[in-house]
Amino acid sequence: MIRLTLAVALLALPAIAGAQTSAGAAGSPPQRIRSVQLTAGQQCPKGEGDEIVVCSPAEEPYRIPKSLRDSGPIPAQNQSWVNRVADIDQTGRVAGGIPNTCSPVGNGGQTGCSVLAAKRWAAEKRAQRQAESSIP
């Protein structure tokens, strides 16, 4: 009895495999893959023929959740050595009163105060724009 069941299963196996390949276009890859970004209210278009359409919403183009993105300045212990050395160098320049550093100490330290004021103003405007854009 077991031999008969095994023989029938072995004979039916090629017929099952043939039905799968004819339905899947002989296992060939798709000819075209199209990526579409959808705005609010749009529907994902249907693929024509052997085409695959991948749709993603335009309002969330990033995979990282909004709560985990751009959490402010990176702490010093998490920065690269290049950034740490640049920070130490700038601190030393200001302490030494090198020109264009906006320092009350040394010769020419006051010459960078207008540049520093402009950088602070630009940073405040940038932070204000980011705060306005993050309001839901």
Protein backbone atom coordinates (compact mmCIF):
# COMPACT_ATOMS: atom_id res chain seq x y z
CA MET A 1 0.00 0.00 0.00
CA ILE A 2 2.83 2.41 0.88
CA ARG A 3 4.59 1.59 -2.39
CA LEU A 4 1.48 2.41 -4.39
CA THR A 5 1.03 5.78 -2.63
CA LEU A 6 4.70 6.62 -3.14
CA ALA A 7 4.52 5.72 -6.86
CA VAL A 8 1.43 7.89 -7.40
CA ALA A 9 3.09 10.84 -5.60
CA LEU A 10 6.25 10.52 -7.72
CA LEU A 11 4.21 10.40 -10.93
CA ALA A 12 2.15 13.49 -9.97
CA LEU A 13 5.19 15.60 -9.01
CA PRO A 14 6.16 16.69 -12.58
CA ALA A 15 2.57 17.71 -13.33
CA ILE A 16 2.45 19.96 -10.26
CA ALA A 17 5.81 21.56 -11.10
CA GLY A 18 4.71 22.20 -14.70
CA ALA A 19 1.57 24.00 -13.53
CA GLN A 20 3.63 26.34 -11.33
CA THR A 21 6.09 27.36 -14.06
CA SER A 22 3.39 28.09 -16.62
CA ALA A 23 1.60 30.41 -14.17
CA GLY A 24 4.81 32.27 -13.24
CA ALA A 25 5.93 33.08 -16.83
CA ALA A 26 8.63 30.39 -16.77
CA GLY A 27 10.42 32.01 -13.81
CA SER A 28 11.78 34.95 -15.80
CA PRO A 29 12.47 38.22 -13.92
CA PRO A 30 10.21 41.23 -14.52
CA GLN A 31 11.16 43.43 -17.46
CA ARG A 32 10.58 46.70 -15.60
CA ILE A 33 10.47 47.83 -11.95
CA ARG A 34 9.03 51.31 -11.37
CA SER A 35 9.29 53.28 -8.10
CA VAL A 36 6.57 55.89 -7.51
CA GLN A 37 6.29 58.44 -4.69
CA LEU A 38 2.67 59.24 -3.93
CA THR A 39 1.35 62.53 -2.61
CA ALA A 40 -1.74 62.74 -0.40
CA GLY A 41 -4.84 61.25 -2.03
CA GLN A 42 -3.05 59.43 -4.88
CA GLN A 43 -3.52 55.75 -5.57
CA CYS A 44 -0.73 53.38 -6.49
CA PRO A 45 -0.85 52.71 -10.27
CA LYS A 46 -1.25 49.14 -11.49
CA GLY A 47 1.62 47.43 -13.24
CA GLU A 48 1.16 46.74 -16.94
CA GLY A 49 2.17 43.34 -18.25
CA ASP A 50 5.43 42.18 -16.68
CA GLU A 51 5.97 45.39 -14.66
CA ILE A 52 6.34 45.75 -10.89
CA VAL A 53 5.28 49.06 -9.29
CA VAL A 54 6.68 50.00 -5.87
CA CYS A 55 4.80 52.87 -4.18
CA SER A 56 5.85 54.96 -1.19
CA PRO A 57 4.20 58.01 0.42
CA ALA A 58 6.00 61.31 -0.22
CA GLU A 59 5.18 62.74 3.22
CA GLU A 60 7.35 60.09 4.93
CA PRO A 61 10.33 59.50 2.60
CA TYR A 62 12.62 58.33 5.44
CA ARG A 63 12.65 54.98 7.17
CA ILE A 64 13.78 56.42 10.51
CA PRO A 65 10.77 57.48 12.62
CA LYS A 66 10.40 61.23 13.14
CA SER A 67 10.84 60.88 16.90
CA LEU A 68 14.33 59.41 16.42
CA ARG A 69 15.54 61.86 13.72
CA ASP A 70 17.66 64.96 14.38
CA SER A 71 17.59 64.96 18.17
CA GLY A 72 19.78 68.06 18.38
CA PRO A 73 23.52 68.49 18.73
CA ILE A 74 25.57 65.32 18.98
CA PRO A 75 27.27 64.93 22.37
CA ALA A 76 31.07 65.26 22.31
CA GLN A 77 31.67 61.64 23.34
CA ASN A 78 29.71 60.46 20.27
CA GLN A 79 31.57 62.63 17.75
CA SER A 80 34.54 61.68 15.63
CA TRP A 81 38.07 62.71 16.59
CA VAL A 82 38.16 65.15 13.68
CA ASN A 83 35.26 67.12 15.15
CA ARG A 84 36.74 66.98 18.66
CA VAL A 85 40.11 68.31 17.48
CA ALA A 86 38.43 71.09 15.46
CA ASP A 87 36.48 72.13 18.57
CA ILE A 88 39.63 72.13 20.72
CA ASP A 89 41.45 74.14 18.03
CA GLN A 90 38.69 76.77 17.89
CA THR A 91 38.63 77.02 21.69
CA GLY A 92 42.38 77.59 21.71
CA ARG A 93 42.11 80.24 19.01
CA VAL A 94 39.50 82.18 20.99
CA ALA A 95 41.47 81.88 24.23
CA GLY A 96 44.59 83.13 22.48
CA GLY A 97 42.89 86.14 20.92
CA ILE A 98 43.82 85.24 17.35
CA PRO A 99 42.22 87.61 14.77
CA ASN A 100 38.63 86.87 13.70
CA THR A 101 37.79 84.98 16.91
CA CYS A 102 35.74 87.61 18.83
CA SER A 103 37.89 87.51 21.92
CA PRO A 104 38.60 90.39 24.34
CA VAL A 105 42.08 88.96 24.85
CA GLY A 106 44.99 89.47 22.47
CA ASN A 107 45.65 91.53 19.41
CA GLY A 108 42.79 91.61 16.88
CA GLY A 109 40.43 89.28 18.75
CA GLN A 110 37.54 91.71 18.39
CA THR A 111 37.55 91.51 14.56
CA GLY A 112 35.46 88.31 14.44
CA CYS A 113 32.53 89.58 16.51
CA SER A 114 30.42 90.58 13.50
CA VAL A 115 31.04 87.19 11.87
CA LEU A 116 30.06 85.43 15.10
CA ALA A 117 26.89 87.56 15.38
CA ALA A 118 25.93 86.68 11.80
CA LYS A 119 26.50 82.96 12.46
CA ARG A 120 24.38 83.09 15.62
CA TRP A 121 21.60 84.90 13.76
CA ALA A 122 21.65 82.28 10.97
CA ALA A 123 21.58 79.45 13.54
CA GLU A 124 18.60 81.03 15.32
CA LYS A 125 16.68 81.39 12.03
CA ARG A 126 17.52 77.80 11.08
CA ALA A 127 16.30 76.54 14.47
CA GLN A 128 13.13 78.63 14.14
CA ARG A 129 12.39 77.17 10.68
CA GLN A 130 12.95 73.65 11.97
CA ALA A 131 10.66 74.26 14.94
CA GLU A 132 7.93 75.63 12.64
CA SER A 133 8.23 72.70 10.21
CA SER A 134 8.04 70.10 13.02
CA ILE A 135 4.72 71.46 14.34
CA PRO A 136 1.99 69.03 13.15
